[in-house]
N, C-alpha and C. Protein backbone atom coordinates (compact mmCIF):
# COMPACT_ATOMS: atom_id res chain seq x y z
N MET A 1 11.03 16.54 8.79
CA MET A 1 10.69 15.24 8.34
C MET A 1 10.44 14.11 9.44
N GLU A 2 9.85 13.20 9.37
CA GLU A 2 9.58 12.59 10.69
C GLU A 2 10.27 11.22 10.68
N SER A 3 10.61 10.67 11.94
CA SER A 3 11.72 9.84 11.83
C SER A 3 11.05 8.39 11.36
N ILE A 4 12.13 7.72 11.10
CA ILE A 4 11.81 6.27 10.38
C ILE A 4 11.34 5.58 11.03
N THR A 5 9.97 4.88 11.20
CA THR A 5 9.75 3.77 11.99
C THR A 5 9.04 2.84 11.33
N GLY A 6 8.57 1.56 11.70
CA GLY A 6 8.14 0.57 11.30
C GLY A 6 8.65 -0.51 10.42
N ALA A 7 8.49 -0.67 9.51
CA ALA A 7 8.83 -2.05 9.05
C ALA A 7 10.14 -1.89 8.41
N PHE A 8 10.72 -0.94 7.89
CA PHE A 8 11.71 -0.84 7.17
C PHE A 8 12.79 0.38 8.02
N LYS A 9 13.44 0.17 9.19
CA LYS A 9 14.58 1.23 9.28
C LYS A 9 15.60 0.86 8.43
N GLN A 10 16.06 -0.46 8.31
CA GLN A 10 17.06 -0.83 7.58
C GLN A 10 16.78 -2.31 6.60
N PHE A 11 16.90 -2.49 5.51
CA PHE A 11 16.30 -3.14 4.75
C PHE A 11 17.26 -4.75 4.80
N ASP A 12 16.54 -5.81 5.09
CA ASP A 12 17.42 -6.86 5.18
C ASP A 12 17.38 -7.86 3.88
N GLU A 13 18.05 -7.94 2.88
CA GLU A 13 17.93 -8.56 1.61
C GLU A 13 17.75 -10.00 1.80
N ASP A 14 18.66 -10.46 2.89
CA ASP A 14 18.43 -11.97 2.94
C ASP A 14 17.37 -12.47 3.60
N ALA A 15 16.62 -11.70 4.64
CA ALA A 15 15.38 -11.91 5.22
C ALA A 15 14.25 -11.95 4.49
N PHE A 16 14.52 -11.00 3.65
CA PHE A 16 13.19 -10.71 2.58
C PHE A 16 13.02 -11.75 1.69
N LEU A 17 14.29 -12.10 1.01
CA LEU A 17 14.34 -13.08 -0.03
C LEU A 17 14.08 -14.49 0.75
N SER A 18 14.58 -14.70 2.01
CA SER A 18 14.09 -15.82 2.33
C SER A 18 12.60 -15.86 3.08
N LEU A 19 12.00 -15.15 3.40
CA LEU A 19 10.65 -14.97 3.51
C LEU A 19 9.88 -15.40 2.22
N LEU A 20 10.66 -14.55 1.10
CA LEU A 20 9.49 -14.76 -0.05
C LEU A 20 9.81 -16.47 -0.56
N ASN A 21 11.20 -16.78 -0.37
CA ASN A 21 11.15 -18.32 -0.65
C ASN A 21 10.62 -19.33 0.00
N ARG A 22 10.45 -19.02 1.30
CA ARG A 22 9.38 -19.72 2.36
C ARG A 22 8.11 -19.68 2.12
N GLU A 23 7.64 -18.71 1.46
CA GLU A 23 5.64 -18.53 1.55
C GLU A 23 5.62 -18.78 -0.20
N LYS A 24 6.86 -19.22 -1.12
CA LYS A 24 6.48 -19.28 -2.69
C LYS A 24 5.27 -20.31 -2.82
N SER A 25 5.16 -21.37 -2.11
CA SER A 25 4.15 -22.40 -2.59
C SER A 25 2.68 -21.74 -2.13
N ARG A 26 2.48 -20.66 -1.38
CA ARG A 26 1.53 -20.05 -0.98
C ARG A 26 1.00 -18.55 -1.71
N ARG A 27 2.06 -18.17 -2.53
CA ARG A 27 1.94 -16.98 -3.21
C ARG A 27 0.75 -16.55 -3.84
N HIS A 28 0.16 -17.63 -4.50
CA HIS A 28 -1.19 -17.75 -5.11
C HIS A 28 -2.15 -16.93 -4.04
N LEU A 29 -2.19 -17.05 -2.77
CA LEU A 29 -3.04 -16.34 -1.92
C LEU A 29 -2.37 -14.93 -1.16
N CYS A 30 -1.43 -14.88 -1.80
CA CYS A 30 -0.57 -13.13 -1.52
C CYS A 30 -1.43 -12.20 -2.53
N ARG A 31 -1.85 -11.17 -1.48
CA ARG A 31 -2.53 -9.98 -2.16
C ARG A 31 -1.73 -9.14 -3.09
N PHE A 32 -0.59 -8.78 -2.09
CA PHE A 32 0.64 -8.24 -2.62
C PHE A 32 1.79 -8.04 -1.88
N VAL A 33 3.31 -8.02 -2.74
CA VAL A 33 4.41 -8.07 -2.06
C VAL A 33 4.79 -6.42 -2.18
N CYS A 34 5.26 -5.53 -1.17
CA CYS A 34 5.75 -4.35 -1.24
C CYS A 34 7.52 -4.53 -1.83
N CYS A 35 7.84 -3.78 -3.02
CA CYS A 35 8.97 -3.98 -3.36
C CYS A 35 9.76 -2.87 -2.21
N PRO A 36 10.62 -3.09 -2.08
CA PRO A 36 11.33 -2.40 -1.05
C PRO A 36 11.48 -0.87 -1.40
N ASP A 37 11.60 0.08 -0.40
CA ASP A 37 11.57 1.52 -0.62
C ASP A 37 12.16 2.41 0.54
N ILE A 38 12.11 3.70 0.10
CA ILE A 38 12.67 4.74 0.85
C ILE A 38 11.96 5.57 1.67
N VAL A 39 11.58 5.68 2.69
CA VAL A 39 10.50 6.39 3.40
C VAL A 39 10.53 8.01 2.93
N ALA A 40 9.59 8.60 2.55
CA ALA A 40 9.44 9.94 2.07
C ALA A 40 10.15 10.32 0.70
N ASP A 41 10.59 9.34 0.05
CA ASP A 41 11.37 9.77 -1.06
C ASP A 41 11.12 8.95 -2.32
N ALA A 42 10.06 9.43 -3.08
CA ALA A 42 9.71 8.68 -4.07
C ALA A 42 10.61 8.56 -5.43
N ARG A 43 11.73 9.61 -5.64
CA ARG A 43 12.55 9.18 -6.63
C ARG A 43 13.43 8.13 -6.26
N ARG A 44 13.76 7.89 -5.12
CA ARG A 44 14.85 6.67 -4.68
C ARG A 44 14.04 5.27 -4.82
N THR A 45 12.92 5.54 -3.95
CA THR A 45 11.99 4.27 -4.39
C THR A 45 11.78 3.66 -5.72
N LEU A 46 11.58 4.67 -6.69
CA LEU A 46 11.31 4.22 -8.07
C LEU A 46 12.91 3.61 -8.54
N GLU A 47 13.64 4.05 -8.40
CA GLU A 47 14.93 3.73 -8.78
C GLU A 47 15.33 2.11 -8.17
N ILE A 48 14.90 1.78 -6.92
CA ILE A 48 15.02 0.59 -6.22
C ILE A 48 14.20 -0.30 -6.81
N PHE A 49 12.49 0.06 -7.24
CA PHE A 49 11.68 -0.55 -7.96
C PHE A 49 12.31 -1.14 -9.38
N GLU A 50 12.94 -0.14 -9.87
CA GLU A 50 13.36 -0.84 -11.34
C GLU A 50 14.32 -1.87 -10.92
N HIS A 51 15.03 -1.99 -9.76
CA HIS A 51 16.11 -2.90 -9.80
C HIS A 51 15.40 -4.16 -9.18
N TRP A 52 14.58 -4.11 -8.28
CA TRP A 52 13.78 -5.13 -7.46
C TRP A 52 12.71 -5.91 -8.02
N LYS A 53 12.09 -5.16 -9.08
CA LYS A 53 10.78 -5.76 -9.50
C LYS A 53 11.43 -7.19 -10.35
N HIS A 54 12.48 -7.09 -10.62
CA HIS A 54 12.80 -8.47 -11.10
C HIS A 54 13.00 -9.78 -10.33
N ASN A 55 13.39 -9.23 -9.35
CA ASN A 55 13.43 -10.07 -7.79
C ASN A 55 12.11 -10.73 -7.43
N LEU A 56 11.02 -9.83 -7.90
CA LEU A 56 9.76 -10.40 -7.40
C LEU A 56 8.83 -10.72 -8.58
N ALA A 57 9.43 -11.20 -9.27
CA ALA A 57 8.72 -11.96 -10.94
C ALA A 57 7.59 -13.18 -10.00
N GLY A 58 6.77 -13.09 -10.40
CA GLY A 58 5.62 -14.27 -10.18
C GLY A 58 5.03 -13.79 -8.80
N TRP A 59 4.95 -12.85 -8.13
CA TRP A 59 4.52 -12.36 -7.22
C TRP A 59 3.93 -11.19 -7.54
N PRO A 60 2.42 -10.84 -6.83
CA PRO A 60 1.78 -9.27 -7.13
C PRO A 60 2.53 -8.31 -6.41
N ILE A 61 3.05 -7.28 -7.33
CA ILE A 61 4.11 -6.49 -6.99
C ILE A 61 3.13 -5.25 -6.46
N ALA A 62 3.84 -4.76 -5.37
CA ALA A 62 3.17 -3.50 -4.91
C ALA A 62 4.32 -2.26 -4.89
N LEU A 63 3.88 -1.03 -5.67
CA LEU A 63 4.85 0.07 -5.38
C LEU A 63 4.36 0.87 -3.83
N VAL A 64 5.32 1.11 -3.17
CA VAL A 64 4.90 1.94 -2.06
C VAL A 64 5.24 3.42 -2.72
N ALA A 65 4.13 4.27 -2.46
CA ALA A 65 4.05 5.64 -2.57
C ALA A 65 4.61 6.36 -1.85
N GLN A 66 5.97 7.18 -1.99
CA GLN A 66 6.32 8.07 -1.31
C GLN A 66 6.14 9.41 -1.53
N ASP A 67 6.36 10.15 -0.93
CA ASP A 67 6.75 11.91 -1.10
C ASP A 67 7.44 12.04 -2.32
N GLY A 68 6.84 12.86 -3.03
CA GLY A 68 7.22 13.46 -4.64
C GLY A 68 6.91 12.56 -5.57
N LEU A 69 6.03 11.45 -5.68
CA LEU A 69 5.59 10.79 -6.51
C LEU A 69 4.59 11.42 -7.09
N GLU A 70 3.84 12.43 -7.00
CA GLU A 70 3.04 12.99 -8.03
C GLU A 70 3.89 14.11 -8.74
N ASN A 71 5.11 13.76 -9.00
CA ASN A 71 5.81 14.75 -9.97
C ASN A 71 6.68 13.55 -10.97
N LEU A 72 6.22 12.68 -10.71
CA LEU A 72 7.02 11.28 -11.31
C LEU A 72 6.24 10.23 -12.22
N PRO A 73 6.64 9.50 -13.07
CA PRO A 73 5.69 8.24 -13.41
C PRO A 73 5.55 7.28 -12.76
N ILE A 74 4.38 6.75 -12.57
CA ILE A 74 4.25 5.69 -11.68
C ILE A 74 3.87 4.48 -12.68
N PRO A 75 4.71 3.08 -12.34
CA PRO A 75 4.88 2.24 -13.37
C PRO A 75 3.29 1.26 -13.34
N TRP A 76 2.28 2.30 -13.56
CA TRP A 76 1.24 1.28 -13.57
C TRP A 76 0.82 0.06 -14.07
N LEU A 77 1.60 -0.30 -15.22
CA LEU A 77 1.31 -1.54 -15.87
C LEU A 77 2.37 -2.63 -15.29
N GLN A 78 3.22 -2.55 -14.28
CA GLN A 78 4.29 -3.09 -13.76
C GLN A 78 3.97 -3.59 -12.49
N ILE A 79 2.77 -2.87 -12.05
CA ILE A 79 2.44 -3.24 -10.34
C ILE A 79 0.86 -3.74 -10.51
N GLN A 80 0.76 -4.40 -9.56
CA GLN A 80 -0.82 -5.22 -9.34
C GLN A 80 -1.39 -4.41 -7.85
N ALA A 81 -0.72 -3.75 -7.22
CA ALA A 81 -1.13 -3.00 -6.05
C ALA A 81 -0.21 -1.62 -5.95
N LEU A 82 -0.72 -0.95 -5.30
CA LEU A 82 -0.19 0.51 -4.46
C LEU A 82 -0.23 0.56 -2.80
N PHE A 83 0.80 0.79 -2.40
CA PHE A 83 0.86 0.87 -0.80
C PHE A 83 0.93 2.37 -0.62
N ILE A 84 -0.05 3.08 0.04
CA ILE A 84 0.10 4.37 0.42
C ILE A 84 1.21 4.50 1.38
N GLY A 85 2.41 4.97 1.60
CA GLY A 85 3.03 5.21 2.67
C GLY A 85 3.37 6.64 2.55
N GLY A 86 4.74 7.30 2.96
CA GLY A 86 5.11 8.62 3.00
C GLY A 86 4.94 9.18 4.18
N SER A 87 5.47 10.23 4.32
CA SER A 87 5.29 11.09 5.46
C SER A 87 3.70 11.16 5.80
N THR A 88 3.55 11.81 7.12
CA THR A 88 2.23 11.79 7.34
C THR A 88 1.63 13.07 6.81
N GLN A 89 2.39 14.20 6.46
CA GLN A 89 1.83 15.40 5.85
C GLN A 89 1.42 15.04 4.26
N TRP A 90 2.62 14.30 3.61
CA TRP A 90 2.01 14.00 2.16
C TRP A 90 1.06 12.95 2.08
N LYS A 91 0.88 12.03 3.04
CA LYS A 91 -0.36 11.24 3.00
C LYS A 91 -1.62 11.95 3.11
N ASP A 92 -1.38 13.07 4.09
CA ASP A 92 -2.80 13.64 4.56
C ASP A 92 -3.15 14.82 3.24
N GLY A 93 -2.25 14.87 2.46
CA GLY A 93 -2.13 16.08 1.39
C GLY A 93 -3.05 15.59 0.04
N PRO A 94 -3.16 16.40 -0.74
CA PRO A 94 -4.09 16.48 -1.89
C PRO A 94 -3.42 15.13 -2.87
N HIS A 95 -2.07 15.06 -2.77
CA HIS A 95 -1.40 14.09 -3.94
C HIS A 95 -1.65 12.92 -3.61
N ALA A 96 -1.67 12.06 -2.33
CA ALA A 96 -1.86 10.75 -2.17
C ALA A 96 -3.33 10.92 -2.34
N SER A 97 -4.23 11.33 -2.00
CA SER A 97 -5.38 11.17 -2.22
C SER A 97 -5.64 10.97 -3.77
N ALA A 98 -4.83 11.91 -4.78
CA ALA A 98 -5.20 11.87 -5.96
C ALA A 98 -4.64 10.50 -6.60
N ILE A 99 -3.54 10.10 -5.93
CA ILE A 99 -2.80 9.04 -6.56
C ILE A 99 -3.78 7.42 -6.30
N VAL A 100 -4.35 7.80 -4.75
CA VAL A 100 -5.64 6.82 -4.61
C VAL A 100 -6.62 6.69 -5.50
N ARG A 101 -7.11 7.57 -5.93
CA ARG A 101 -8.28 7.84 -6.78
C ARG A 101 -7.67 7.01 -7.98
N ALA A 102 -6.63 7.40 -8.82
CA ALA A 102 -6.09 6.71 -10.16
C ALA A 102 -5.82 5.23 -9.81
N GLY A 103 -5.32 5.07 -8.70
CA GLY A 103 -5.00 3.52 -8.28
C GLY A 103 -6.24 2.82 -8.47
N VAL A 104 -7.32 3.27 -7.78
CA VAL A 104 -8.83 2.56 -7.89
C VAL A 104 -9.31 2.77 -9.36
N ILE A 105 -9.24 3.61 -10.11
CA ILE A 105 -9.76 4.02 -11.50
C ILE A 105 -9.09 2.76 -12.33
N LEU A 106 -7.86 2.42 -12.04
CA LEU A 106 -6.85 1.29 -12.91
C LEU A 106 -7.04 -0.06 -12.18
N LYS A 107 -7.87 0.07 -11.48
CA LYS A 107 -8.06 -1.22 -10.80
C LYS A 107 -6.82 -2.05 -10.19
N LYS A 108 -6.08 -1.33 -9.42
CA LYS A 108 -4.81 -1.70 -8.97
C LYS A 108 -5.48 -1.97 -7.33
N TRP A 109 -5.10 -2.78 -6.41
CA TRP A 109 -5.38 -3.02 -5.09
C TRP A 109 -4.81 -2.02 -4.49
N VAL A 110 -5.49 -1.09 -3.48
CA VAL A 110 -4.77 0.19 -2.84
C VAL A 110 -4.73 -0.24 -1.41
N HIS A 111 -3.90 -0.25 -0.97
CA HIS A 111 -3.47 -0.31 0.51
C HIS A 111 -3.06 1.09 1.03
N VAL A 112 -3.33 1.29 2.37
CA VAL A 112 -3.04 2.58 2.96
C VAL A 112 -2.21 2.10 4.28
N GLY A 113 -1.16 2.24 4.58
CA GLY A 113 -0.20 2.21 5.70
C GLY A 113 -0.34 3.43 6.83
N ARG A 114 -0.39 3.02 8.09
CA ARG A 114 -0.21 4.06 9.26
C ARG A 114 -1.51 4.86 9.06
N ILE A 115 -2.95 4.52 9.01
CA ILE A 115 -4.23 5.39 9.18
C ILE A 115 -4.23 5.71 10.57
N ASN A 116 -4.21 4.91 11.64
CA ASN A 116 -3.98 5.27 12.94
C ASN A 116 -5.24 6.39 13.49
N THR A 117 -5.85 7.27 13.01
CA THR A 117 -6.89 7.85 13.42
C THR A 117 -8.41 7.74 12.27
N PRO A 118 -9.22 7.90 13.49
CA PRO A 118 -10.54 7.49 12.99
C PRO A 118 -11.03 8.46 11.49
N GLY A 119 -10.45 9.75 11.22
CA GLY A 119 -10.42 10.60 10.69
C GLY A 119 -10.01 10.15 9.15
N ARG A 120 -8.25 9.83 9.26
CA ARG A 120 -7.66 9.35 8.00
C ARG A 120 -8.33 8.24 7.58
N PHE A 121 -8.92 7.12 8.67
CA PHE A 121 -9.51 5.83 8.14
C PHE A 121 -10.55 6.03 7.04
N GLU A 122 -11.63 7.33 7.75
CA GLU A 122 -12.68 7.47 6.90
C GLU A 122 -12.59 8.23 5.54
N HIS A 123 -11.46 8.99 5.48
CA HIS A 123 -10.89 9.77 4.22
C HIS A 123 -10.47 8.44 3.08
N PHE A 124 -9.68 7.88 3.60
CA PHE A 124 -9.45 6.90 2.39
C PHE A 124 -10.32 5.62 2.17
N ARG A 125 -11.28 5.26 3.15
CA ARG A 125 -12.33 4.70 3.17
C ARG A 125 -13.16 5.29 1.67
N LYS A 126 -13.47 6.48 1.78
CA LYS A 126 -14.28 7.26 0.66
C LYS A 126 -13.53 7.35 -0.50
N LEU A 127 -12.40 7.11 -0.52
CA LEU A 127 -11.69 7.39 -1.54
C LEU A 127 -11.58 6.16 -2.49
N GLY A 128 -12.12 5.01 -1.70
CA GLY A 128 -12.07 3.45 -2.30
C GLY A 128 -11.04 2.63 -2.02
N ALA A 129 -10.33 2.87 -0.99
CA ALA A 129 -8.86 2.00 -0.66
C ALA A 129 -9.44 0.67 -0.17
N HIS A 130 -8.87 -0.20 -0.77
CA HIS A 130 -9.30 -1.52 -0.27
C HIS A 130 -8.67 -2.18 1.13
N SER A 131 -7.65 -1.70 1.30
CA SER A 131 -7.07 -2.14 2.72
C SER A 131 -6.40 -1.31 3.43
N MET A 132 -6.20 -1.47 4.67
CA MET A 132 -5.52 -0.62 5.59
C MET A 132 -4.75 -0.82 6.82
N ASP A 133 -3.66 -0.26 7.24
CA ASP A 133 -3.43 -0.90 8.61
C ASP A 133 -2.83 0.26 9.49
N GLY A 134 -2.52 0.24 10.82
CA GLY A 134 -2.02 0.89 11.82
C GLY A 134 -2.87 0.77 12.96
N SER A 135 -1.91 1.31 14.02
CA SER A 135 -2.30 1.07 15.62
C SER A 135 -3.49 1.26 15.74
N GLY A 136 -4.34 2.71 14.92
CA GLY A 136 -5.61 3.12 15.27
C GLY A 136 -6.78 1.54 15.11
N LEU A 137 -6.37 0.84 14.11
CA LEU A 137 -7.44 -0.10 14.14
C LEU A 137 -7.73 -0.64 15.46
N ALA A 138 -6.72 -1.03 16.38
CA ALA A 138 -6.77 -1.63 17.69
C ALA A 138 -7.35 -0.63 18.43
N ARG A 139 -7.53 0.65 18.31
CA ARG A 139 -8.04 1.43 19.35
C ARG A 139 -9.75 1.69 19.02
N PHE A 140 -9.85 1.93 17.91
CA PHE A 140 -11.19 2.61 17.49
C PHE A 140 -11.85 1.53 16.65
N SER A 141 -13.03 1.11 17.77
CA SER A 141 -13.82 0.17 17.15
C SER A 141 -14.72 0.46 16.03
N GLN A 142 -15.12 1.62 15.49
CA GLN A 142 -16.06 1.85 14.60
C GLN A 142 -15.32 1.58 13.41
N MET A 143 -13.79 1.70 13.50
CA MET A 143 -13.04 1.64 12.13
C MET A 143 -13.00 0.23 12.03
N ARG A 144 -13.09 -1.21 12.79
CA ARG A 144 -13.34 -2.34 12.63
C ARG A 144 -14.44 -2.82 12.40
N GLU A 145 -15.34 -2.06 12.91
CA GLU A 145 -16.48 -2.32 12.29
C GLU A 145 -17.01 -2.07 10.66
N ARG A 146 -16.42 -0.88 10.21
CA ARG A 146 -16.45 -0.78 8.84
C ARG A 146 -15.98 -1.51 7.98
N ILE A 147 -14.84 -1.71 8.62
CA ILE A 147 -13.94 -3.05 7.53
C ILE A 147 -14.89 -4.34 7.52
N TRP A 148 -15.25 -4.74 8.71
CA TRP A 148 -16.06 -5.95 8.33
C TRP A 148 -17.24 -5.74 7.65
N ASP A 149 -18.20 -4.37 8.11
CA ASP A 149 -19.37 -4.27 7.17
C ASP A 149 -19.12 -4.52 5.97
N ALA A 150 -17.87 -3.55 5.25
CA ALA A 150 -17.72 -3.50 3.93
C ALA A 150 -17.17 -4.80 3.32
N GLN A 151 -16.89 -5.72 4.27
CA GLN A 151 -16.41 -7.26 3.64
C GLN A 151 -17.62 -8.05 3.57
N HIS A 152 -18.85 -7.97 4.36
CA HIS A 152 -19.61 -8.88 4.64
C HIS A 152 -21.11 -8.51 4.59
N LYS A 153 -21.52 -6.96 4.03
CA LYS A 153 -22.74 -6.95 3.82
C LYS A 153 -22.75 -7.14 2.17
N PRO A 154 -24.01 -7.73 1.74
CA PRO A 154 -24.38 -7.94 0.14
C PRO A 154 -24.39 -6.82 -0.52
N THR A 155 -24.03 -6.98 -1.80
CA THR A 155 -24.04 -5.75 -2.40
C THR A 155 -24.88 -6.25 -3.92
N LEU A 156 -25.28 -5.11 -4.42
CA LEU A 156 -26.26 -5.36 -5.43
C LEU A 156 -25.50 -5.75 -6.88
N PHE A 157 -24.14 -5.75 -6.94
CA PHE A 157 -23.43 -5.90 -8.12
C PHE A 157 -22.16 -6.66 -7.70
N ALA A 158 -22.00 -7.49 -8.84
CA ALA A 158 -20.87 -8.37 -8.32
C ALA A 158 -19.33 -7.82 -8.35
N SER A 159 -18.39 -8.31 -7.56
CA SER A 159 -17.36 -7.57 -7.58
C SER A 159 -16.51 -8.09 -8.85
N ASN A 160 -15.46 -7.05 -9.31
CA ASN A 160 -14.56 -7.51 -9.98
C ASN A 160 -13.20 -8.25 -9.69
N ASP A 161 -13.07 -8.64 -8.62
CA ASP A 161 -12.18 -9.11 -8.01
C ASP A 161 -11.65 -10.64 -8.80
């Protein structure tokens, strides 16, 4: 298993709730708030989701998809967004791809974390992910250009957003 880096090395409940309280007047501008999660552990993440979803009432809630989610029920009716997390191996595998496709079909906002390579960016873009993050966005200008083009080119059909 890869080491835990990034947003949650250790969850700080007070800081998290303080941020939500501070931004409450602007929550109508928020695309999603990730429910706290456990990296690479879908079962524990779903347990945390069951506890925390009540604390996030009024916010658009995102479930962070983690390794093993393919074998567990996803609370689609309780979320507005799906954040693809998990280990690199899981994220690059068929299970994360299938979950992304399901999220798109169910009209959930799909965000992918830690894309970091042009290949991973293209893979998730083709699956229909709505947004992505990662240090690769800063390094690979073609990824930034694709994001810009997708957001600013006219389309033949109106968006359902």
